[in-house]
Amino acid sequence: MASVITETLIYEILSVVEEIPKGKVASYGQIAKLIGRDKNARLVGKVLSMSEYYGDYPCHRVVNHAGRPAPHFKEQQELLIGEGVLFKENHHVDMKKCKWRCL
């Protein structure tokens, strides 16, 4: 069954993103799990790519499961560093130290 992006789904995702504290990051999969859609990490990414239409959310605090920033979001690493997020030499977030422990 295909996932459909609804206003309710957008609200659920952005509500979780809004809760990520400064200095922490969450993964797309982590957000999907928090809204009860464990297998929809890509759907979370799709919604976040359109977030500017819904207001100002800290979407820069969302990375992939390995800590890799979004490839087309050039300012993301700079924004995260400004909030105290630590990066490893491979330019990935140090998930052991900076992952949001909300589960």
PDB file of N, CA and C in Angstrom:
ATOM      1  N   MET A   1       0.841  -1.185   0.000  1.00  0.00           N
ATOM      2  CA  MET A   1       0.000   0.000   0.000  1.00  0.00           C
ATOM      3  C   MET A   1       0.885   1.247   0.000  1.00  0.00           C
ATOM      4  N   ALA A   2       0.658   2.135  -0.898  1.00  0.00           N
ATOM      5  CA  ALA A   2       1.454   3.356  -1.007  1.00  0.00           C
ATOM      6  C   ALA A   2       1.112   4.320   0.122  1.00  0.00           C
ATOM      7  N   SER A   3       2.115   5.022   0.604  1.00  0.00           N
ATOM      8  CA  SER A   3       1.896   6.018   1.647  1.00  0.00           C
ATOM      9  C   SER A   3       1.498   7.332   0.996  1.00  0.00           C
ATOM     10  N   VAL A   4       0.509   7.966   1.568  1.00  0.00           N
ATOM     11  CA  VAL A   4       0.004   9.228   1.054  1.00  0.00           C
ATOM     12  C   VAL A   4       0.374  10.328   2.045  1.00  0.00           C
ATOM     13  N   ILE A   5       0.873  11.426   1.514  1.00  0.00           N
ATOM     14  CA  ILE A   5       1.216  12.563   2.367  1.00  0.00           C
ATOM     15  C   ILE A   5      -0.049  13.384   2.594  1.00  0.00           C
ATOM     16  N   THR A   6      -0.472  13.418   3.852  1.00  0.00           N
ATOM     17  CA  THR A   6      -1.657  14.186   4.234  1.00  0.00           C
ATOM     18  C   THR A   6      -1.230  15.309   5.170  1.00  0.00           C
ATOM     19  N   GLU A   7      -2.123  16.240   5.391  1.00  0.00           N
ATOM     20  CA  GLU A   7      -1.847  17.331   6.331  1.00  0.00           C
ATOM     21  C   GLU A   7      -1.584  16.771   7.729  1.00  0.00           C
ATOM     22  N   THR A   8      -2.308  15.724   8.101  1.00  0.00           N
ATOM     23  CA  THR A   8      -2.121  15.106   9.418  1.00  0.00           C
ATOM     24  C   THR A   8      -0.725  14.511   9.536  1.00  0.00           C
ATOM     25  N   LEU A   9      -0.277  13.810   8.502  1.00  0.00           N
ATOM     26  CA  LEU A   9       1.055  13.219   8.510  1.00  0.00           C
ATOM     27  C   LEU A   9       2.128  14.307   8.592  1.00  0.00           C
ATOM     28  N   ILE A  10       1.961  15.343   7.829  1.00  0.00           N
ATOM     29  CA  ILE A  10       2.920  16.457   7.856  1.00  0.00           C
ATOM     30  C   ILE A  10       2.990  17.046   9.256  1.00  0.00           C
ATOM     31  N   TYR A  11       1.847  17.267   9.866  1.00  0.00           N
ATOM     32  CA  TYR A  11       1.800  17.813  11.222  1.00  0.00           C
ATOM     33  C   TYR A  11       2.503  16.878  12.211  1.00  0.00           C
ATOM     34  N   GLU A  12       2.260  15.572  12.103  1.00  0.00           N
ATOM     35  CA  GLU A  12       2.887  14.610  13.018  1.00  0.00           C
ATOM     36  C   GLU A  12       4.411  14.660  12.905  1.00  0.00           C
ATOM     37  N   ILE A  13       4.909  14.661  11.687  1.00  0.00           N
ATOM     38  CA  ILE A  13       6.356  14.674  11.462  1.00  0.00           C
ATOM     39  C   ILE A  13       6.971  15.976  11.965  1.00  0.00           C
ATOM     40  N   LEU A  14       6.393  17.095  11.575  1.00  0.00           N
ATOM     41  CA  LEU A  14       6.963  18.382  11.973  1.00  0.00           C
ATOM     42  C   LEU A  14       6.840  18.628  13.477  1.00  0.00           C
ATOM     43  N   SER A  15       5.835  18.063  14.108  1.00  0.00           N
ATOM     44  CA  SER A  15       5.706  18.174  15.564  1.00  0.00           C
ATOM     45  C   SER A  15       6.848  17.466  16.272  1.00  0.00           C
ATOM     46  N   VAL A  16       7.263  16.319  15.750  1.00  0.00           N
ATOM     47  CA  VAL A  16       8.400  15.597  16.327  1.00  0.00           C
ATOM     48  C   VAL A  16       9.686  16.379  16.081  1.00  0.00           C
ATOM     49  N   VAL A  17       9.871  16.841  14.863  1.00  0.00           N
ATOM     50  CA  VAL A  17      11.084  17.605  14.523  1.00  0.00           C
ATOM     51  C   VAL A  17      11.225  18.826  15.426  1.00  0.00           C
ATOM     52  N   GLU A  18      10.126  19.456  15.707  1.00  0.00           N
ATOM     53  CA  GLU A  18      10.123  20.648  16.549  1.00  0.00           C
ATOM     54  C   GLU A  18      10.633  20.352  17.971  1.00  0.00           C
ATOM     55  N   GLU A  19      10.537  19.112  18.404  1.00  0.00           N
ATOM     56  CA  GLU A  19      10.948  18.716  19.757  1.00  0.00           C
ATOM     57  C   GLU A  19      12.435  18.369  19.874  1.00  0.00           C
ATOM     58  N   ILE A  20      13.122  18.207  18.766  1.00  0.00           N
ATOM     59  CA  ILE A  20      14.549  17.854  18.817  1.00  0.00           C
ATOM     60  C   ILE A  20      15.317  19.024  19.414  1.00  0.00           C
ATOM     61  N   PRO A  21      16.008  18.800  20.540  1.00  0.00           N
ATOM     62  CA  PRO A  21      16.711  19.913  21.184  1.00  0.00           C
ATOM     63  C   PRO A  21      17.970  20.343  20.437  1.00  0.00           C
ATOM     64  N   LYS A  22      18.369  21.594  20.658  1.00  0.00           N
ATOM     65  CA  LYS A  22      19.634  22.073  20.094  1.00  0.00           C
ATOM     66  C   LYS A  22      20.760  21.175  20.587  1.00  0.00           C
ATOM     67  N   GLY A  23      21.704  20.916  19.697  1.00  0.00           N
ATOM     68  CA  GLY A  23      22.845  20.087  20.058  1.00  0.00           C
ATOM     69  C   GLY A  23      22.600  18.605  19.880  1.00  0.00           C
ATOM     70  N   LYS A  24      21.396  18.231  19.437  1.00  0.00           N
ATOM     71  CA  LYS A  24      21.038  16.829  19.216  1.00  0.00           C
ATOM     72  C   LYS A  24      20.509  16.660  17.807  1.00  0.00           C
ATOM     73  N   VAL A  25      20.540  15.426  17.314  1.00  0.00           N
ATOM     74  CA  VAL A  25      19.975  15.097  16.010  1.00  0.00           C
ATOM     75  C   VAL A  25      19.112  13.855  16.142  1.00  0.00           C
ATOM     76  N   ALA A  26      18.224  13.676  15.192  1.00  0.00           N
ATOM     77  CA  ALA A  26      17.408  12.480  15.085  1.00  0.00           C
ATOM     78  C   ALA A  26      17.564  11.951  13.663  1.00  0.00           C
ATOM     79  N   SER A  27      17.304  10.674  13.489  1.00  0.00           N
ATOM     80  CA  SER A  27      17.353  10.099  12.141  1.00  0.00           C
ATOM     81  C   SER A  27      15.946  10.075  11.554  1.00  0.00           C
ATOM     82  N   TYR A  28      15.884   9.963  10.240  1.00  0.00           N
ATOM     83  CA  TYR A  28      14.595   9.865   9.557  1.00  0.00           C
ATOM     84  C   TYR A  28      13.817   8.664  10.090  1.00  0.00           C
ATOM     85  N   GLY A  29      14.513   7.544  10.273  1.00  0.00           N
ATOM     86  CA  GLY A  29      13.877   6.336  10.790  1.00  0.00           C
ATOM     87  C   GLY A  29      13.380   6.505  12.209  1.00  0.00           C
ATOM     88  N   GLN A  30      14.108   7.212  13.015  1.00  0.00           N
ATOM     89  CA  GLN A  30      13.710   7.475  14.397  1.00  0.00           C
ATOM     90  C   GLN A  30      12.395   8.270  14.419  1.00  0.00           C
ATOM     91  N   ILE A  31      12.295   9.258  13.561  1.00  0.00           N
ATOM     92  CA  ILE A  31      11.069  10.055  13.489  1.00  0.00           C
ATOM     93  C   ILE A  31       9.911   9.194  12.986  1.00  0.00           C
ATOM     94  N   ALA A  32      10.171   8.381  11.967  1.00  0.00           N
ATOM     95  CA  ALA A  32       9.132   7.483  11.447  1.00  0.00           C
ATOM     96  C   ALA A  32       8.613   6.566  12.560  1.00  0.00           C
ATOM     97  N   LYS A  33       9.518   6.042  13.357  1.00  0.00           N
ATOM     98  CA  LYS A  33       9.122   5.161  14.456  1.00  0.00           C
ATOM     99  C   LYS A  33       8.282   5.915  15.487  1.00  0.00           C
ATOM    100  N   LEU A  34       8.662   7.137  15.786  1.00  0.00           N
ATOM    101  CA  LEU A  34       7.933   7.932  16.777  1.00  0.00           C
ATOM    102  C   LEU A  34       6.496   8.242  16.358  1.00  0.00           C
ATOM    103  N   ILE A  35       6.243   8.296  15.059  1.00  0.00           N
ATOM    104  CA  ILE A  35       4.877   8.568  14.601  1.00  0.00           C
ATOM    105  C   ILE A  35       4.132   7.286  14.231  1.00  0.00           C
ATOM    106  N   GLY A  36       4.736   6.145  14.546  1.00  0.00           N
ATOM    107  CA  GLY A  36       4.065   4.872  14.296  1.00  0.00           C
ATOM    108  C   GLY A  36       4.153   4.371  12.870  1.00  0.00           C
ATOM    109  N   ARG A  37       5.152   4.823  12.124  1.00  0.00           N
ATOM    110  CA  ARG A  37       5.343   4.402  10.729  1.00  0.00           C
ATOM    111  C   ARG A  37       6.779   3.908  10.553  1.00  0.00           C
ATOM    112  N   ASP A  38       7.096   2.843  11.257  1.00  0.00           N
ATOM    113  CA  ASP A  38       8.466   2.328  11.332  1.00  0.00           C
ATOM    114  C   ASP A  38       9.176   2.186   9.995  1.00  0.00           C
ATOM    115  N   LYS A  39       8.471   1.859   8.948  1.00  0.00           N
ATOM    116  CA  LYS A  39       9.087   1.577   7.644  1.00  0.00           C
ATOM    117  C   LYS A  39       9.060   2.769   6.686  1.00  0.00           C
ATOM    118  N   ASN A  40       8.767   3.951   7.192  1.00  0.00           N
ATOM    119  CA  ASN A  40       8.579   5.099   6.306  1.00  0.00           C
ATOM    120  C   ASN A  40       9.599   6.220   6.483  1.00  0.00           C
ATOM    121  N   ALA A  41      10.861   5.874   6.665  1.00  0.00           N
ATOM    122  CA  ALA A  41      11.910   6.884   6.820  1.00  0.00           C
ATOM    123  C   ALA A  41      12.000   7.779   5.581  1.00  0.00           C
ATOM    124  N   ARG A  42      11.841   7.216   4.406  1.00  0.00           N
ATOM    125  CA  ARG A  42      11.914   8.010   3.178  1.00  0.00           C
ATOM    126  C   ARG A  42      10.760   9.004   3.082  1.00  0.00           C
ATOM    127  N   LEU A  43       9.612   8.594   3.581  1.00  0.00           N
ATOM    128  CA  LEU A  43       8.458   9.479   3.604  1.00  0.00           C
ATOM    129  C   LEU A  43       8.733  10.677   4.508  1.00  0.00           C
ATOM    130  N   VAL A  44       9.388  10.430   5.631  1.00  0.00           N
ATOM    131  CA  VAL A  44       9.780  11.519   6.534  1.00  0.00           C
ATOM    132  C   VAL A  44      10.689  12.490   5.782  1.00  0.00           C
ATOM    133  N   GLY A  45      11.668  11.954   5.053  1.00  0.00           N
ATOM    134  CA  GLY A  45      12.570  12.799   4.279  1.00  0.00           C
ATOM    135  C   GLY A  45      11.837  13.625   3.241  1.00  0.00           C
ATOM    136  N   LYS A  46      10.861  13.032   2.602  1.00  0.00           N
ATOM    137  CA  LYS A  46      10.079  13.749   1.585  1.00  0.00           C
ATOM    138  C   LYS A  46       9.325  14.918   2.219  1.00  0.00           C
ATOM    139  N   VAL A  47       8.692  14.666   3.367  1.00  0.00           N
ATOM    140  CA  VAL A  47       7.965  15.736   4.050  1.00  0.00           C
ATOM    141  C   VAL A  47       8.928  16.839   4.482  1.00  0.00           C
ATOM    142  N   LEU A  48      10.083  16.475   5.011  1.00  0.00           N
ATOM    143  CA  LEU A  48      11.041  17.490   5.463  1.00  0.00           C
ATOM    144  C   LEU A  48      11.567  18.318   4.294  1.00  0.00           C
ATOM    145  N   SER A  49      11.636  17.718   3.115  1.00  0.00           N
ATOM    146  CA  SER A  49      12.108  18.481   1.954  1.00  0.00           C
ATOM    147  C   SER A  49      11.112  19.567   1.552  1.00  0.00           C
ATOM    148  N   MET A  50       9.880  19.469   2.040  1.00  0.00           N
ATOM    149  CA  MET A  50       8.844  20.465   1.728  1.00  0.00           C
ATOM    150  C   MET A  50       8.488  21.322   2.942  1.00  0.00           C
ATOM    151  N   SER A  51       9.243  21.215   4.007  1.00  0.00           N
ATOM    152  CA  SER A  51       8.865  21.842   5.276  1.00  0.00           C
ATOM    153  C   SER A  51       8.771  23.370   5.216  1.00  0.00           C
ATOM    154  N   GLU A  52       9.502  23.995   4.318  1.00  0.00           N
ATOM    155  CA  GLU A  52       9.468  25.466   4.263  1.00  0.00           C
ATOM    156  C   GLU A  52       8.079  25.999   3.932  1.00  0.00           C
ATOM    157  N   TYR A  53       7.212  25.159   3.377  1.00  0.00           N
ATOM    158  CA  TYR A  53       5.850  25.577   3.069  1.00  0.00           C
ATOM    159  C   TYR A  53       4.948  25.588   4.303  1.00  0.00           C
ATOM    160  N   TYR A  54       5.453  25.037   5.409  1.00  0.00           N
ATOM    161  CA  TYR A  54       4.619  24.882   6.605  1.00  0.00           C
ATOM    162  C   TYR A  54       5.112  25.689   7.797  1.00  0.00           C
ATOM    163  N   GLY A  55       6.201  26.391   7.661  1.00  0.00           N
ATOM    164  CA  GLY A  55       6.714  27.193   8.758  1.00  0.00           C
ATOM    165  C   GLY A  55       8.201  26.978   8.953  1.00  0.00           C
ATOM    166  N   ASP A  56       8.685  27.419  10.082  1.00  0.00           N
ATOM    167  CA  ASP A  56      10.114  27.349  10.384  1.00  0.00           C
ATOM    168  C   ASP A  56      10.372  26.218  11.381  1.00  0.00           C
ATOM    169  N   TYR A  57      10.924  25.137  10.911  1.00  0.00           N
ATOM    170  CA  TYR A  57      11.200  23.963  11.741  1.00  0.00           C
ATOM    171  C   TYR A  57      12.689  23.643  11.681  1.00  0.00           C
ATOM    172  N   PRO A  58      13.238  23.061  12.745  1.00  0.00           N
ATOM    173  CA  PRO A  58      14.674  22.745  12.767  1.00  0.00           C
ATOM    174  C   PRO A  58      15.002  21.444  12.021  1.00  0.00           C
ATOM    175  N   CYS A  59      14.654  21.401  10.750  1.00  0.00           N
ATOM    176  CA  CYS A  59      14.870  20.196   9.948  1.00  0.00           C
ATOM    177  C   CYS A  59      16.354  19.870   9.778  1.00  0.00           C
ATOM    178  N   HIS A  60      17.213  20.857  10.029  1.00  0.00           N
ATOM    179  CA  HIS A  60      18.648  20.601   9.933  1.00  0.00           C
ATOM    180  C   HIS A  60      19.105  19.608  11.005  1.00  0.00           C
ATOM    181  N   ARG A  61      18.272  19.345  11.999  1.00  0.00           N
ATOM    182  CA  ARG A  61      18.615  18.402  13.063  1.00  0.00           C
ATOM    183  C   ARG A  61      18.263  16.962  12.722  1.00  0.00           C
ATOM    184  N   VAL A  62      17.891  16.711  11.476  1.00  0.00           N
ATOM    185  CA  VAL A  62      17.551  15.353  11.040  1.00  0.00           C
ATOM    186  C   VAL A  62      18.584  14.893  10.023  1.00  0.00           C
ATOM    187  N   VAL A  63      19.169  13.720  10.292  1.00  0.00           N
ATOM    188  CA  VAL A  63      20.209  13.127   9.439  1.00  0.00           C
ATOM    189  C   VAL A  63      19.840  11.670   9.174  1.00  0.00           C
ATOM    190  N   ASN A  64      20.614  10.987   8.345  1.00  0.00           N
ATOM    191  CA  ASN A  64      20.309   9.577   8.137  1.00  0.00           C
ATOM    192  C   ASN A  64      20.820   8.750   9.325  1.00  0.00           C
ATOM    193  N   HIS A  65      20.539   7.472   9.323  1.00  0.00           N
ATOM    194  CA  HIS A  65      20.859   6.627  10.478  1.00  0.00           C
ATOM    195  C   HIS A  65      22.348   6.579  10.812  1.00  0.00           C
ATOM    196  N   ALA A  66      23.188   6.828   9.826  1.00  0.00           N
ATOM    197  CA  ALA A  66      24.644   6.807  10.040  1.00  0.00           C
ATOM    198  C   ALA A  66      25.187   8.191  10.405  1.00  0.00           C
ATOM    199  N   GLY A  67      24.308   9.193  10.461  1.00  0.00           N
ATOM    200  CA  GLY A  67      24.740  10.540  10.815  1.00  0.00           C
ATOM    201  C   GLY A  67      25.107  11.412   9.637  1.00  0.00           C
ATOM    202  N   ARG A  68      24.819  10.935   8.433  1.00  0.00           N
ATOM    203  CA  ARG A  68      25.161  11.714   7.237  1.00  0.00           C
ATOM    204  C   ARG A  68      24.148  12.813   7.001  1.00  0.00           C
ATOM    205  N   PRO A  69      24.610  14.041   6.835  1.00  0.00           N
ATOM    206  CA  PRO A  69      23.697  15.143   6.512  1.00  0.00           C
ATOM    207  C   PRO A  69      23.081  14.951   5.125  1.00  0.00           C
ATOM    208  N   ALA A  70      22.007  15.662   4.859  1.00  0.00           N
ATOM    209  CA  ALA A  70      21.342  15.598   3.557  1.00  0.00           C
ATOM    210  C   ALA A  70      22.293  16.109   2.478  1.00  0.00           C
ATOM    211  N   PRO A  71      22.436  15.378   1.375  1.00  0.00           N
ATOM    212  CA  PRO A  71      23.419  15.758   0.348  1.00  0.00           C
ATOM    213  C   PRO A  71      23.170  17.105  -0.331  1.00  0.00           C
ATOM    214  N   HIS A  72      21.938  17.561  -0.397  1.00  0.00           N
ATOM    215  CA  HIS A  72      21.649  18.813  -1.097  1.00  0.00           C
ATOM    216  C   HIS A  72      21.383  19.977  -0.140  1.00  0.00           C
ATOM    217  N   PHE A  73      21.708  19.793   1.125  1.00  0.00           N
ATOM    218  CA  PHE A  73      21.468  20.813   2.148  1.00  0.00           C
ATOM    219  C   PHE A  73      22.833  21.275   2.638  1.00  0.00           C
ATOM    220  N   LYS A  74      23.466  22.124   1.859  1.00  0.00           N
ATOM    221  CA  LYS A  74      24.858  22.533   2.089  1.00  0.00           C
ATOM    222  C   LYS A  74      25.090  23.204   3.441  1.00  0.00           C
ATOM    223  N   GLU A  75      24.094  23.931   3.951  1.00  0.00           N
ATOM    224  CA  GLU A  75      24.264  24.660   5.214  1.00  0.00           C
ATOM    225  C   GLU A  75      24.041  23.790   6.453  1.00  0.00           C
ATOM    226  N   GLN A  76      23.571  22.564   6.265  1.00  0.00           N
ATOM    227  CA  GLN A  76      23.182  21.729   7.397  1.00  0.00           C
ATOM    228  C   GLN A  76      24.321  21.501   8.386  1.00  0.00           C
ATOM    229  N   GLN A  77      25.477  21.112   7.891  1.00  0.00           N
ATOM    230  CA  GLN A  77      26.601  20.848   8.795  1.00  0.00           C
ATOM    231  C   GLN A  77      26.983  22.105   9.573  1.00  0.00           C
ATOM    232  N   GLU A  78      27.018  23.231   8.914  1.00  0.00           N
ATOM    233  CA  GLU A  78      27.368  24.494   9.577  1.00  0.00           C
ATOM    234  C   GLU A  78      26.352  24.844  10.677  1.00  0.00           C
ATOM    235  N   LEU A  79      25.070  24.664  10.387  1.00  0.00           N
ATOM    236  CA  LEU A  79      24.032  24.919  11.389  1.00  0.00           C
ATOM    237  C   LEU A  79      24.188  23.998  12.601  1.00  0.00           C
ATOM    238  N   LEU A  80      24.464  22.734  12.344  1.00  0.00           N
ATOM    239  CA  LEU A  80      24.618  21.772  13.438  1.00  0.00           C
ATOM    240  C   LEU A  80      25.859  22.067  14.281  1.00  0.00           C
ATOM    241  N   ILE A  81      26.952  22.384  13.631  1.00  0.00           N
ATOM    242  CA  ILE A  81      28.178  22.737  14.364  1.00  0.00           C
ATOM    243  C   ILE A  81      27.915  23.959  15.236  1.00  0.00           C
ATOM    244  N   GLY A  82      27.172  24.917  14.720  1.00  0.00           N
ATOM    245  CA  GLY A  82      26.824  26.110  15.483  1.00  0.00           C
ATOM    246  C   GLY A  82      26.010  25.804  16.732  1.00  0.00           C
ATOM    247  N   GLU A  83      25.330  24.667  16.740  1.00  0.00           N
ATOM    248  CA  GLU A  83      24.543  24.242  17.898  1.00  0.00           C
ATOM    249  C   GLU A  83      25.318  23.287  18.806  1.00  0.00           C
ATOM    250  N   GLY A  84      26.566  23.014  18.456  1.00  0.00           N
ATOM    251  CA  GLY A  84      27.389  22.146  19.293  1.00  0.00           C
ATOM    252  C   GLY A  84      27.368  20.679  18.929  1.00  0.00           C
ATOM    253  N   VAL A  85      26.798  20.318  17.783  1.00  0.00           N
ATOM    254  CA  VAL A  85      26.782  18.929  17.340  1.00  0.00           C
ATOM    255  C   VAL A  85      28.190  18.548  16.881  1.00  0.00           C
ATOM    256  N   LEU A  86      28.636  17.393  17.315  1.00  0.00           N
ATOM    257  CA  LEU A  86      29.980  16.919  16.985  1.00  0.00           C
ATOM    258  C   LEU A  86      29.976  16.075  15.723  1.00  0.00           C
ATOM    259  N   PHE A  87      30.992  16.283  14.898  1.00  0.00           N
ATOM    260  CA  PHE A  87      31.141  15.516  13.667  1.00  0.00           C
ATOM    261  C   PHE A  87      32.414  14.689  13.733  1.00  0.00           C
ATOM    262  N   LYS A  88      32.387  13.556  13.047  1.00  0.00           N
ATOM    263  CA  LYS A  88      33.575  12.707  12.928  1.00  0.00           C
ATOM    264  C   LYS A  88      34.358  13.157  11.686  1.00  0.00           C
ATOM    265  N   GLU A  89      35.519  12.562  11.478  1.00  0.00           N
ATOM    266  CA  GLU A  89      36.372  12.933  10.337  1.00  0.00           C
ATOM    267  C   GLU A  89      35.696  12.709   8.988  1.00  0.00           C
ATOM    268  N   ASN A  90      34.741  11.786   8.916  1.00  0.00           N
ATOM    269  CA  ASN A  90      34.072  11.493   7.644  1.00  0.00           C
ATOM    270  C   ASN A  90      32.900  12.447   7.371  1.00  0.00           C
ATOM    271  N   HIS A  91      32.805  13.515   8.157  1.00  0.00           N
ATOM    272  CA  HIS A  91      31.762  14.544   8.013  1.00  0.00           C
ATOM    273  C   HIS A  91      30.366  14.023   8.364  1.00  0.00           C
ATOM    274  N   HIS A  92      30.311  12.954   9.157  1.00  0.00           N
ATOM    275  CA  HIS A  92      29.053  12.431   9.673  1.00  0.00           C
ATOM    276  C   HIS A  92      28.928  12.850  11.132  1.00  0.00           C
ATOM    277  N   VAL A  93      27.700  13.049  11.585  1.00  0.00           N
ATOM    278  CA  VAL A  93      27.453  13.380  12.987  1.00  0.00           C
ATOM    279  C   VAL A  93      27.902  12.208  13.856  1.00  0.00           C
ATOM    280  N   ASP A  94      28.491  12.519  14.988  1.00  0.00           N
ATOM    281  CA  ASP A  94      28.842  11.481  15.963  1.00  0.00           C
ATOM    282  C   ASP A  94      27.546  11.083  16.662  1.00  0.00           C
ATOM    283  N   MET A  95      26.881  10.050  16.140  1.00  0.00           N
ATOM    284  CA  MET A  95      25.572   9.638  16.638  1.00  0.00           C
ATOM    285  C   MET A  95      25.633   9.114  18.072  1.00  0.00           C
ATOM    286  N   LYS A  96      26.760   8.554  18.475  1.00  0.00           N
ATOM    287  CA  LYS A  96      26.873   8.063  19.854  1.00  0.00           C
ATOM    288  C   LYS A  96      26.776   9.202  20.850  1.00  0.00           C
ATOM    289  N   LYS A  97      27.273  10.360  20.469  1.00  0.00           N
ATOM    290  CA  LYS A  97      27.286  11.503  21.383  1.00  0.00           C
ATOM    291  C   LYS A  97      26.132  12.477  21.166  1.00  0.00           C
ATOM    292  N   CYS A  98      25.591  12.522  19.960  1.00  0.00           N
ATOM    293  CA  CYS A  98      24.635  13.584  19.640  1.00  0.00           C
ATOM    294  C   CYS A  98      23.234  13.125  19.259  1.00  0.00           C
ATOM    295  N   LYS A  99      22.978  11.821  19.274  1.00  0.00           N
ATOM    296  CA  LYS A  99      21.635  11.346  18.928  1.00  0.00           C
ATOM    297  C   LYS A  99      20.656  11.692  20.032  1.00  0.00           C
ATOM    298  N   TRP A 100      19.502  12.171  19.633  1.00  0.00           N
ATOM    299  CA  TRP A 100      18.416  12.506  20.555  1.00  0.00           C
ATOM    300  C   TRP A 100      17.879  11.230  21.166  1.00  0.00           C
ATOM    301  N   ARG A 101      17.955  11.100  22.457  1.00  0.00           N
ATOM    302  CA  ARG A 101      17.503   9.897  23.178  1.00  0.00           C
ATOM    303  C   ARG A 101      16.072  10.115  23.665  1.00  0.00           C
ATOM    304  N   CYS A 102      15.125   9.933  22.779  1.00  0.00           N
ATOM    305  CA  CYS A 102      13.733  10.201  23.120  1.00  0.00           C
ATOM    306  C   CYS A 102      12.914   8.946  23.246  1.00  0.00           C
ATOM    307  N   LEU A 103      13.445   7.807  22.823  1.00  0.00           N
ATOM    308  CA  LEU A 103      12.682   6.548  22.851  1.00  0.00           C
ATOM    309  C   LEU A 103      12.844   5.823  24.158  1.00  0.00           C
TER     310      LEU A 103
END
